[in-house]
Amino acid sequence: MEVNIRSRQTSKPAQYIVKECRKVLDSGLEHNLHIFVNSVEFIAK
């Protein structure tokens, strides 16, 4: 199937993911985030 890429360039990827996590949790959105990143340090951060 065709996949659309929503591209988000940022100098601080961790901070961007933090904001997305808080949006989902604080706004009560139905979405669940599945984040693929090959770094346990990044996840812990």
All heavy atoms as atom14 arrays in JSON, in Angstrom:
{
  "sequence": "MEVNIRSRQTSKPAQYIVKECRKVLDSGLEHNLHIFVNSVEFIAK",
  "atom14_mask": [
    [1, 1, 1, 1, 1, 1, 1, 1, 0, 0, 0, 0, 0, 0],
    [1, 1, 1, 1, 1, 1, 1, 1, 1, 0, 0, 0, 0, 0],
    [1, 1, 1, 1, 1, 1, 1, 0, 0, 0, 0, 0, 0, 0],
    [1, 1, 1, 1, 1, 1, 1, 1, 0, 0, 0, 0, 0, 0],
    [1, 1, 1, 1, 1, 1, 1, 1, 0, 0, 0, 0, 0, 0],
    [1, 1, 1, 1, 1, 1, 1, 1, 1, 1, 1, 0, 0, 0],
    [1, 1, 1, 1, 1, 1, 0, 0, 0, 0, 0, 0, 0, 0],
    [1, 1, 1, 1, 1, 1, 1, 1, 1, 1, 1, 0, 0, 0],
    [1, 1, 1, 1, 1, 1, 1, 1, 1, 0, 0, 0, 0, 0],
    [1, 1, 1, 1, 1, 1, 1, 0, 0, 0, 0, 0, 0, 0],
    [1, 1, 1, 1, 1, 1, 0, 0, 0, 0, 0, 0, 0, 0],
    [1, 1, 1, 1, 1, 1, 1, 1, 1, 0, 0, 0, 0, 0],
    [1, 1, 1, 1, 1, 1, 1, 0, 0, 0, 0, 0, 0, 0],
    [1, 1, 1, 1, 1, 0, 0, 0, 0, 0, 0, 0, 0, 0],
    [1, 1, 1, 1, 1, 1, 1, 1, 1, 0, 0, 0, 0, 0],
    [1, 1, 1, 1, 1, 1, 1, 1, 1, 1, 1, 1, 0, 0],
    [1, 1, 1, 1, 1, 1, 1, 1, 0, 0, 0, 0, 0, 0],
    [1, 1, 1, 1, 1, 1, 1, 0, 0, 0, 0, 0, 0, 0],
    [1, 1, 1, 1, 1, 1, 1, 1, 1, 0, 0, 0, 0, 0],
    [1, 1, 1, 1, 1, 1, 1, 1, 1, 0, 0, 0, 0, 0],
    [1, 1, 1, 1, 1, 1, 0, 0, 0, 0, 0, 0, 0, 0],
    [1, 1, 1, 1, 1, 1, 1, 1, 1, 1, 1, 0, 0, 0],
    [1, 1, 1, 1, 1, 1, 1, 1, 1, 0, 0, 0, 0, 0],
    [1, 1, 1, 1, 1, 1, 1, 0, 0, 0, 0, 0, 0, 0],
    [1, 1, 1, 1, 1, 1, 1, 1, 0, 0, 0, 0, 0, 0],
    [1, 1, 1, 1, 1, 1, 1, 1, 0, 0, 0, 0, 0, 0],
    [1, 1, 1, 1, 1, 1, 0, 0, 0, 0, 0, 0, 0, 0],
    [1, 1, 1, 1, 0, 0, 0, 0, 0, 0, 0, 0, 0, 0],
    [1, 1, 1, 1, 1, 1, 1, 1, 0, 0, 0, 0, 0, 0],
    [1, 1, 1, 1, 1, 1, 1, 1, 1, 0, 0, 0, 0, 0],
    [1, 1, 1, 1, 1, 1, 1, 1, 1, 1, 0, 0, 0, 0],
    [1, 1, 1, 1, 1, 1, 1, 1, 0, 0, 0, 0, 0, 0],
    [1, 1, 1, 1, 1, 1, 1, 1, 0, 0, 0, 0, 0, 0],
    [1, 1, 1, 1, 1, 1, 1, 1, 1, 1, 0, 0, 0, 0],
    [1, 1, 1, 1, 1, 1, 1, 1, 0, 0, 0, 0, 0, 0],
    [1, 1, 1, 1, 1, 1, 1, 1, 1, 1, 1, 0, 0, 0],
    [1, 1, 1, 1, 1, 1, 1, 0, 0, 0, 0, 0, 0, 0],
    [1, 1, 1, 1, 1, 1, 1, 1, 0, 0, 0, 0, 0, 0],
    [1, 1, 1, 1, 1, 1, 0, 0, 0, 0, 0, 0, 0, 0],
    [1, 1, 1, 1, 1, 1, 1, 0, 0, 0, 0, 0, 0, 0],
    [1, 1, 1, 1, 1, 1, 1, 1, 1, 0, 0, 0, 0, 0],
    [1, 1, 1, 1, 1, 1, 1, 1, 1, 1, 1, 0, 0, 0],
    [1, 1, 1, 1, 1, 1, 1, 1, 0, 0, 0, 0, 0, 0],
    [1, 1, 1, 1, 1, 0, 0, 0, 0, 0, 0, 0, 0, 0],
    [1, 1, 1, 1, 1, 1, 1, 1, 1, 0, 0, 0, 0, 0]
  ],
  "atom14_positions": [
    [[0.84, -1.19, 0.0], [0.0, 0.0, 0.0], [0.87, 1.24, 0.0], [2.03, 1.2, 0.4], [-0.92, 0.01, 1.22], [-0.19, 0.12, 2.57], [-1.33, 0.11, 3.96], [-2.15, 1.7, 3.72], [0.0, 0.0, 0.0], [0.0, 0.0, 0.0], [0.0, 0.0, 0.0], [0.0, 0.0, 0.0], [0.0, 0.0, 0.0], [0.0, 0.0, 0.0]],
    [[0.3, 2.34, -0.49], [1.05, 3.6, -0.5], [1.15, 4.16, 0.91], [0.18, 4.14, 1.66], [0.34, 4.61, -1.4], [1.1, 5.9, -1.58], [0.42, 6.85, -2.54], [0.68, 6.76, -3.75], [-0.39, 7.67, -2.07], [0.0, 0.0, 0.0], [0.0, 0.0, 0.0], [0.0, 0.0, 0.0], [0.0, 0.0, 0.0], [0.0, 0.0, 0.0]],
    [[2.32, 4.62, 1.26], [2.54, 5.19, 2.59], [2.91, 6.66, 2.45], [3.8, 7.01, 1.69], [3.67, 4.45, 3.34], [3.96, 5.11, 4.67], [3.29, 2.99, 3.55], [0.0, 0.0, 0.0], [0.0, 0.0, 0.0], [0.0, 0.0, 0.0], [0.0, 0.0, 0.0], [0.0, 0.0, 0.0], [0.0, 0.0, 0.0], [0.0, 0.0, 0.0]],
    [[2.2, 7.5, 3.19], [2.51, 8.93, 3.21], [3.45, 9.23, 4.38], [3.19, 8.81, 5.5], [1.24, 9.76, 3.37], [0.31, 9.62, 2.17], [0.77, 9.43, 1.05], [-0.98, 9.71, 2.41], [0.0, 0.0, 0.0], [0.0, 0.0, 0.0], [0.0, 0.0, 0.0], [0.0, 0.0, 0.0], [0.0, 0.0, 0.0], [0.0, 0.0, 0.0]],
    [[4.52, 9.94, 4.1], [5.48, 10.29, 5.13], [5.24, 11.73, 5.58], [5.26, 12.65, 4.76], [6.93, 10.16, 4.62], [7.18, 8.75, 4.07], [7.92, 10.5, 5.72], [7.04, 7.66, 5.1], [0.0, 0.0, 0.0], [0.0, 0.0, 0.0], [0.0, 0.0, 0.0], [0.0, 0.0, 0.0], [0.0, 0.0, 0.0], [0.0, 0.0, 0.0]],
    [[4.97, 11.89, 6.87], [4.87, 13.24, 7.44], [6.24, 13.57, 8.01], [6.62, 13.08, 9.07], [3.81, 13.26, 8.55], [2.46, 12.72, 8.12], [1.76, 13.67, 7.18], [0.44, 13.17, 6.8], [-0.48, 13.87, 6.17], [-0.22, 15.11, 5.83], [-1.65, 13.34, 5.86], [0.0, 0.0, 0.0], [0.0, 0.0, 0.0], [0.0, 0.0, 0.0]],
    [[6.99, 14.35, 7.29], [8.38, 14.59, 7.64], [8.51, 15.73, 8.63], [7.98, 16.81, 8.42], [9.17, 14.91, 6.36], [10.51, 15.13, 6.64], [0.0, 0.0, 0.0], [0.0, 0.0, 0.0], [0.0, 0.0, 0.0], [0.0, 0.0, 0.0], [0.0, 0.0, 0.0], [0.0, 0.0, 0.0], [0.0, 0.0, 0.0], [0.0, 0.0, 0.0]],
    [[9.26, 15.47, 9.72], [9.44, 16.49, 10.76], [10.92, 16.61, 11.09], [11.46, 15.77, 11.81], [8.63, 16.15, 12.0], [8.78, 17.15, 13.16], [8.43, 18.56, 12.73], [8.16, 19.45, 13.85], [9.04, 20.3, 14.36], [10.27, 20.33, 13.9], [8.68, 21.12, 15.34], [0.0, 0.0, 0.0], [0.0, 0.0, 0.0], [0.0, 0.0, 0.0]],
    [[11.58, 17.61, 10.54], [12.98, 17.83, 10.85], [13.08, 18.74, 12.07], [12.37, 19.73, 12.18], [13.69, 18.49, 9.68], [15.18, 18.67, 9.92], [15.82, 19.55, 8.85], [15.16, 20.39, 8.26], [17.1, 19.35, 8.61], [0.0, 0.0, 0.0], [0.0, 0.0, 0.0], [0.0, 0.0, 0.0], [0.0, 0.0, 0.0], [0.0, 0.0, 0.0]],
    [[13.95, 18.38, 12.99], [14.14, 19.18, 14.19], [15.55, 18.98, 14.7], [16.11, 17.89, 14.55], [13.13, 18.8, 15.29], [13.48, 19.46, 16.51], [13.09, 17.3, 15.53], [0.0, 0.0, 0.0], [0.0, 0.0, 0.0], [0.0, 0.0, 0.0], [0.0, 0.0, 0.0], [0.0, 0.0, 0.0], [0.0, 0.0, 0.0], [0.0, 0.0, 0.0]],
    [[16.1, 20.01, 15.28], [17.45, 19.87, 15.84], [17.44, 19.11, 17.15], [18.48, 18.68, 17.64], [18.07, 21.27, 16.06], [17.26, 22.02, 16.97], [0.0, 0.0, 0.0], [0.0, 0.0, 0.0], [0.0, 0.0, 0.0], [0.0, 0.0, 0.0], [0.0, 0.0, 0.0], [0.0, 0.0, 0.0], [0.0, 0.0, 0.0], [0.0, 0.0, 0.0]],
    [[16.23, 18.92, 17.74], [16.12, 18.23, 19.02], [15.01, 17.18, 18.96], [13.89, 17.41, 19.43], [15.83, 19.25, 20.13], [16.94, 20.28, 20.29], [16.59, 21.34, 21.33], [17.71, 22.36, 21.47], [17.36, 23.43, 22.44], [0.0, 0.0, 0.0], [0.0, 0.0, 0.0], [0.0, 0.0, 0.0], [0.0, 0.0, 0.0], [0.0, 0.0, 0.0]],
    [[15.31, 16.01, 18.38], [14.29, 14.97, 18.22], [13.64, 14.53, 19.53], [12.44, 14.27, 19.57], [15.06, 13.81, 17.56], [16.23, 14.45, 16.9], [16.6, 15.6, 17.78], [0.0, 0.0, 0.0], [0.0, 0.0, 0.0], [0.0, 0.0, 0.0], [0.0, 0.0, 0.0], [0.0, 0.0, 0.0], [0.0, 0.0, 0.0], [0.0, 0.0, 0.0]],
    [[14.43, 14.43, 20.59], [13.88, 13.97, 21.87], [12.83, 14.94, 22.39], [11.74, 14.53, 22.82], [15.0, 13.81, 22.91], [0.0, 0.0, 0.0], [0.0, 0.0, 0.0], [0.0, 0.0, 0.0], [0.0, 0.0, 0.0], [0.0, 0.0, 0.0], [0.0, 0.0, 0.0], [0.0, 0.0, 0.0], [0.0, 0.0, 0.0], [0.0, 0.0, 0.0]],
    [[13.12, 16.24, 22.33], [12.15, 17.24, 22.79], [10.87, 17.19, 21.96], [9.77, 17.39, 22.49], [12.76, 18.64, 22.74], [13.71, 18.95, 23.88], [15.14, 18.52, 23.57], [15.35, 17.55, 22.85], [16.11, 19.24, 24.11], [0.0, 0.0, 0.0], [0.0, 0.0, 0.0], [0.0, 0.0, 0.0], [0.0, 0.0, 0.0], [0.0, 0.0, 0.0]],
    [[11.02, 16.94, 20.66], [9.83, 16.87, 19.81], [8.95, 15.68, 20.22], [7.73, 15.81, 20.33], [10.23, 16.73, 18.34], [9.03, 16.67, 17.42], [8.35, 17.83, 17.08], [8.56, 15.45, 16.93], [7.24, 17.77, 16.26], [7.46, 15.39, 16.12], [6.8, 16.55, 15.77], [5.69, 16.49, 14.97], [0.0, 0.0, 0.0], [0.0, 0.0, 0.0]],
    [[9.57, 14.53, 20.44], [8.81, 13.34, 20.84], [8.15, 13.57, 22.2], [7.02, 13.15, 22.44], [9.72, 12.1, 20.87], [10.17, 11.74, 19.45], [9.01, 10.91, 21.51], [9.05, 11.35, 18.51], [0.0, 0.0, 0.0], [0.0, 0.0, 0.0], [0.0, 0.0, 0.0], [0.0, 0.0, 0.0], [0.0, 0.0, 0.0], [0.0, 0.0, 0.0]],
    [[8.85, 14.25, 23.1], [8.28, 14.57, 24.41], [6.99, 15.36, 24.24], [5.97, 15.07, 24.88], [9.29, 15.37, 25.27], [8.6, 15.98, 26.49], [10.44, 14.47, 25.71], [0.0, 0.0, 0.0], [0.0, 0.0, 0.0], [0.0, 0.0, 0.0], [0.0, 0.0, 0.0], [0.0, 0.0, 0.0], [0.0, 0.0, 0.0], [0.0, 0.0, 0.0]],
    [[7.01, 16.36, 23.37], [5.82, 17.19, 23.15], [4.66, 16.36, 22.59], [3.51, 16.54, 22.99], [6.16, 18.34, 22.19], [6.99, 19.44, 22.82], [7.57, 20.39, 21.8], [6.52, 21.09, 20.98], [7.11, 22.07, 20.04], [0.0, 0.0, 0.0], [0.0, 0.0, 0.0], [0.0, 0.0, 0.0], [0.0, 0.0, 0.0], [0.0, 0.0, 0.0]],
    [[4.97, 15.44, 21.67], [3.92, 14.6, 21.1], [3.32, 13.67, 22.16], [2.1, 13.45, 22.19], [4.47, 13.78, 19.92], [4.99, 14.63, 18.76], [3.92, 15.57, 18.22], [3.06, 15.1, 17.47], [3.93, 16.76, 18.57], [0.0, 0.0, 0.0], [0.0, 0.0, 0.0], [0.0, 0.0, 0.0], [0.0, 0.0, 0.0], [0.0, 0.0, 0.0]],
    [[4.17, 13.14, 23.01], [3.69, 12.27, 24.09], [2.75, 13.04, 25.02], [1.67, 12.55, 25.4], [4.87, 11.71, 24.89], [5.91, 10.52, 24.0], [0.0, 0.0, 0.0], [0.0, 0.0, 0.0], [0.0, 0.0, 0.0], [0.0, 0.0, 0.0], [0.0, 0.0, 0.0], [0.0, 0.0, 0.0], [0.0, 0.0, 0.0], [0.0, 0.0, 0.0]],
    [[3.15, 14.24, 25.4], [2.34, 15.04, 26.32], [1.03, 15.45, 25.67], [-0.02, 15.53, 26.33], [3.1, 16.28, 26.78], [4.28, 16.04, 27.72], [4.08, 15.08, 28.85], [2.78, 15.13, 29.51], [2.41, 14.28, 30.45], [3.22, 13.28, 30.82], [1.23, 14.37, 31.02], [0.0, 0.0, 0.0], [0.0, 0.0, 0.0], [0.0, 0.0, 0.0]],
    [[1.03, 15.73, 24.35], [-0.22, 16.09, 23.66], [-1.24, 14.96, 23.77], [-2.41, 15.18, 24.06], [0.06, 16.39, 22.19], [0.71, 17.73, 21.92], [1.02, 17.85, 20.45], [1.89, 19.05, 20.16], [2.32, 19.09, 18.75], [0.0, 0.0, 0.0], [0.0, 0.0, 0.0], [0.0, 0.0, 0.0], [0.0, 0.0, 0.0], [0.0, 0.0, 0.0]],
    [[-0.78, 13.75, 23.5], [-1.68, 12.59, 23.55], [-2.22, 12.38, 24.96], [-3.42, 12.14, 25.14], [-0.93, 11.32, 23.07], [-1.75, 10.08, 23.38], [-0.66, 11.4, 21.58], [0.0, 0.0, 0.0], [0.0, 0.0, 0.0], [0.0, 0.0, 0.0], [0.0, 0.0, 0.0], [0.0, 0.0, 0.0], [0.0, 0.0, 0.0], [0.0, 0.0, 0.0]],
    [[-1.34, 12.49, 25.94], [-1.75, 12.23, 27.32], [-2.58, 13.37, 27.91], [-3.61, 13.14, 28.55], [-0.51, 11.99, 28.18], [0.31, 10.74, 27.83], [1.65, 10.76, 28.55], [-0.46, 9.48, 28.19], [0.0, 0.0, 0.0], [0.0, 0.0, 0.0], [0.0, 0.0, 0.0], [0.0, 0.0, 0.0], [0.0, 0.0, 0.0], [0.0, 0.0, 0.0]],
    [[-2.16, 14.59, 27.69], [-2.82, 15.73, 28.33], [-4.14, 16.1, 27.66], [-5.03, 16.67, 28.31], [-1.89, 16.95, 28.33], [-0.62, 16.71, 29.13], [-0.62, 15.8, 29.97], [0.38, 17.43, 28.9], [0.0, 0.0, 0.0], [0.0, 0.0, 0.0], [0.0, 0.0, 0.0], [0.0, 0.0, 0.0], [0.0, 0.0, 0.0], [0.0, 0.0, 0.0]],
    [[-4.26, 15.81, 26.37], [-5.49, 16.18, 25.65], [-6.49, 15.03, 25.56], [-7.56, 15.19, 24.98], [-5.13, 16.67, 24.23], [-4.23, 17.75, 24.27], [0.0, 0.0, 0.0], [0.0, 0.0, 0.0], [0.0, 0.0, 0.0], [0.0, 0.0, 0.0], [0.0, 0.0, 0.0], [0.0, 0.0, 0.0], [0.0, 0.0, 0.0], [0.0, 0.0, 0.0]],
    [[-6.12, 13.88, 26.1], [-7.03, 12.74, 26.07], [-7.34, 12.23, 24.67], [-8.44, 11.75, 24.39], [0.0, 0.0, 0.0], [0.0, 0.0, 0.0], [0.0, 0.0, 0.0], [0.0, 0.0, 0.0], [0.0, 0.0, 0.0], [0.0, 0.0, 0.0], [0.0, 0.0, 0.0], [0.0, 0.0, 0.0], [0.0, 0.0, 0.0], [0.0, 0.0, 0.0]],
    [[-6.36, 12.33, 23.76], [-6.57, 11.87, 22.38], [-6.62, 10.35, 22.32], [-6.04, 9.66, 23.15], [-5.42, 12.38, 21.49], [-5.25, 13.91, 21.42], [-4.05, 14.25, 20.54], [-6.5, 14.57, 20.89], [0.0, 0.0, 0.0], [0.0, 0.0, 0.0], [0.0, 0.0, 0.0], [0.0, 0.0, 0.0], [0.0, 0.0, 0.0], [0.0, 0.0, 0.0]],
    [[-7.33, 9.84, 21.32], [-7.48, 8.39, 21.18], [-6.21, 7.7, 20.71], [-6.04, 6.5, 20.89], [-8.6, 8.08, 20.17], [-8.27, 8.48, 18.74], [-9.24, 7.93, 17.72], [-10.3, 7.43, 18.1], [-8.91, 7.98, 16.51], [0.0, 0.0, 0.0], [0.0, 0.0, 0.0], [0.0, 0.0, 0.0], [0.0, 0.0, 0.0], [0.0, 0.0, 0.0]],
    [[-5.3, 8.45, 20.13], [-4.11, 7.86, 19.51], [-3.15, 7.27, 20.53], [-2.96, 7.81, 21.62], [-3.37, 8.91, 18.69], [-4.26, 9.73, 17.8], [-4.71, 10.98, 18.15], [-4.8, 9.45, 16.6], [-5.49, 11.45, 17.2], [-5.56, 10.55, 16.25], [0.0, 0.0, 0.0], [0.0, 0.0, 0.0], [0.0, 0.0, 0.0], [0.0, 0.0, 0.0]],
    [[-2.55, 6.15, 20.14], [-1.45, 5.55, 20.9], [-0.2, 5.68, 20.04], [-0.22, 5.33, 18.85], [-1.73, 4.07, 21.2], [-3.0, 3.89, 21.99], [-3.28, 4.63, 22.94], [-3.8, 2.89, 21.62], [0.0, 0.0, 0.0], [0.0, 0.0, 0.0], [0.0, 0.0, 0.0], [0.0, 0.0, 0.0], [0.0, 0.0, 0.0], [0.0, 0.0, 0.0]],
    [[0.87, 6.15, 20.61], [2.09, 6.37, 19.84], [2.97, 5.12, 19.87], [3.25, 4.58, 20.95], [2.87, 7.56, 20.4], [2.12, 8.9, 20.51], [3.11, 10.02, 20.83], [1.34, 9.21, 19.25], [0.0, 0.0, 0.0], [0.0, 0.0, 0.0], [0.0, 0.0, 0.0], [0.0, 0.0, 0.0], [0.0, 0.0, 0.0], [0.0, 0.0, 0.0]],
    [[3.41, 4.69, 18.7], [4.33, 3.57, 18.57], [5.61, 4.14, 17.96], [5.66, 4.45, 16.76], [3.74, 2.47, 17.69], [2.56, 1.8, 18.32], [2.64, 0.56, 18.93], [1.27, 2.21, 18.47], [1.44, 0.23, 19.41], [0.6, 1.21, 19.14], [0.0, 0.0, 0.0], [0.0, 0.0, 0.0], [0.0, 0.0, 0.0], [0.0, 0.0, 0.0]],
    [[6.62, 4.29, 18.81], [7.83, 5.04, 18.44], [8.99, 4.07, 18.22], [9.42, 3.37, 19.14], [8.18, 6.06, 19.54], [6.98, 7.0, 19.77], [9.44, 6.84, 19.17], [7.04, 7.76, 21.08], [0.0, 0.0, 0.0], [0.0, 0.0, 0.0], [0.0, 0.0, 0.0], [0.0, 0.0, 0.0], [0.0, 0.0, 0.0], [0.0, 0.0, 0.0]],
    [[9.5, 4.04, 17.0], [10.61, 3.16, 16.64], [11.9, 3.97, 16.63], [12.08, 4.88, 15.81], [10.36, 2.53, 15.26], [9.21, 1.57, 15.24], [7.9, 2.04, 15.14], [9.42, 0.2, 15.32], [6.82, 1.17, 15.12], [8.34, -0.69, 15.3], [7.04, -0.21, 15.2], [0.0, 0.0, 0.0], [0.0, 0.0, 0.0], [0.0, 0.0, 0.0]],
    [[12.79, 3.67, 17.55], [14.07, 4.38, 17.62], [15.11, 3.42, 18.2], [14.89, 2.82, 19.25], [13.96, 5.66, 18.48], [13.42, 5.37, 19.87], [15.3, 6.38, 18.56], [0.0, 0.0, 0.0], [0.0, 0.0, 0.0], [0.0, 0.0, 0.0], [0.0, 0.0, 0.0], [0.0, 0.0, 0.0], [0.0, 0.0, 0.0], [0.0, 0.0, 0.0]],
    [[16.23, 3.28, 17.54], [17.22, 2.29, 17.95], [18.2, 2.84, 18.98], [19.41, 2.88, 18.77], [17.99, 1.77, 16.73], [18.77, 0.52, 17.06], [18.35, -0.27, 17.92], [19.9, 0.32, 16.41], [0.0, 0.0, 0.0], [0.0, 0.0, 0.0], [0.0, 0.0, 0.0], [0.0, 0.0, 0.0], [0.0, 0.0, 0.0], [0.0, 0.0, 0.0]],
    [[17.65, 3.28, 20.11], [18.5, 3.81, 21.18], [17.74, 3.77, 22.5], [16.78, 4.51, 22.68], [18.94, 5.25, 20.87], [19.59, 5.82, 21.99], [0.0, 0.0, 0.0], [0.0, 0.0, 0.0], [0.0, 0.0, 0.0], [0.0, 0.0, 0.0], [0.0, 0.0, 0.0], [0.0, 0.0, 0.0], [0.0, 0.0, 0.0], [0.0, 0.0, 0.0]],
    [[18.2, 2.91, 23.41], [17.58, 2.84, 24.73], [17.84, 4.13, 25.5], [17.0, 4.59, 26.28], [18.1, 1.61, 25.51], [17.5, 1.56, 26.91], [17.77, 0.33, 24.76], [0.0, 0.0, 0.0], [0.0, 0.0, 0.0], [0.0, 0.0, 0.0], [0.0, 0.0, 0.0], [0.0, 0.0, 0.0], [0.0, 0.0, 0.0], [0.0, 0.0, 0.0]],
    [[19.02, 4.74, 25.29], [19.32, 6.02, 25.94], [18.3, 7.08, 25.53], [17.83, 7.87, 26.36], [20.73, 6.49, 25.57], [21.84, 5.66, 26.17], [22.29, 4.55, 25.23], [21.51, 4.21, 24.29], [23.4, 4.03, 25.43], [0.0, 0.0, 0.0], [0.0, 0.0, 0.0], [0.0, 0.0, 0.0], [0.0, 0.0, 0.0], [0.0, 0.0, 0.0]],
    [[17.95, 7.1, 24.26], [16.96, 8.06, 23.76], [15.61, 7.83, 24.44], [14.95, 8.77, 24.88], [16.83, 7.91, 22.24], [15.88, 8.9, 21.59], [16.36, 10.07, 21.03], [14.51, 8.65, 21.55], [15.5, 10.98, 20.42], [13.64, 9.56, 20.96], [14.14, 10.72, 20.4], [0.0, 0.0, 0.0], [0.0, 0.0, 0.0], [0.0, 0.0, 0.0]],
    [[15.22, 6.56, 24.53], [13.93, 6.21, 25.15], [13.92, 6.65, 26.61], [12.94, 7.25, 27.09], [13.69, 4.69, 25.04], [13.52, 4.3, 23.56], [12.46, 4.27, 25.85], [13.5, 2.8, 23.31], [0.0, 0.0, 0.0], [0.0, 0.0, 0.0], [0.0, 0.0, 0.0], [0.0, 0.0, 0.0], [0.0, 0.0, 0.0], [0.0, 0.0, 0.0]],
    [[15.0, 6.34, 27.33], [15.08, 6.72, 28.75], [15.01, 8.23, 28.91], [14.37, 8.74, 29.85], [16.37, 6.17, 29.35], [0.0, 0.0, 0.0], [0.0, 0.0, 0.0], [0.0, 0.0, 0.0], [0.0, 0.0, 0.0], [0.0, 0.0, 0.0], [0.0, 0.0, 0.0], [0.0, 0.0, 0.0], [0.0, 0.0, 0.0], [0.0, 0.0, 0.0]],
    [[15.63, 8.96, 28.0], [15.62, 10.42, 28.05], [14.21, 10.97, 27.87], [13.77, 11.87, 28.6], [16.55, 10.98, 26.97], [16.67, 12.5, 26.97], [17.66, 12.95, 25.9], [17.8, 14.47, 25.88], [18.76, 14.91, 24.83], [0.0, 0.0, 0.0], [0.0, 0.0, 0.0], [0.0, 0.0, 0.0], [0.0, 0.0, 0.0], [0.0, 0.0, 0.0]]
  ]
}
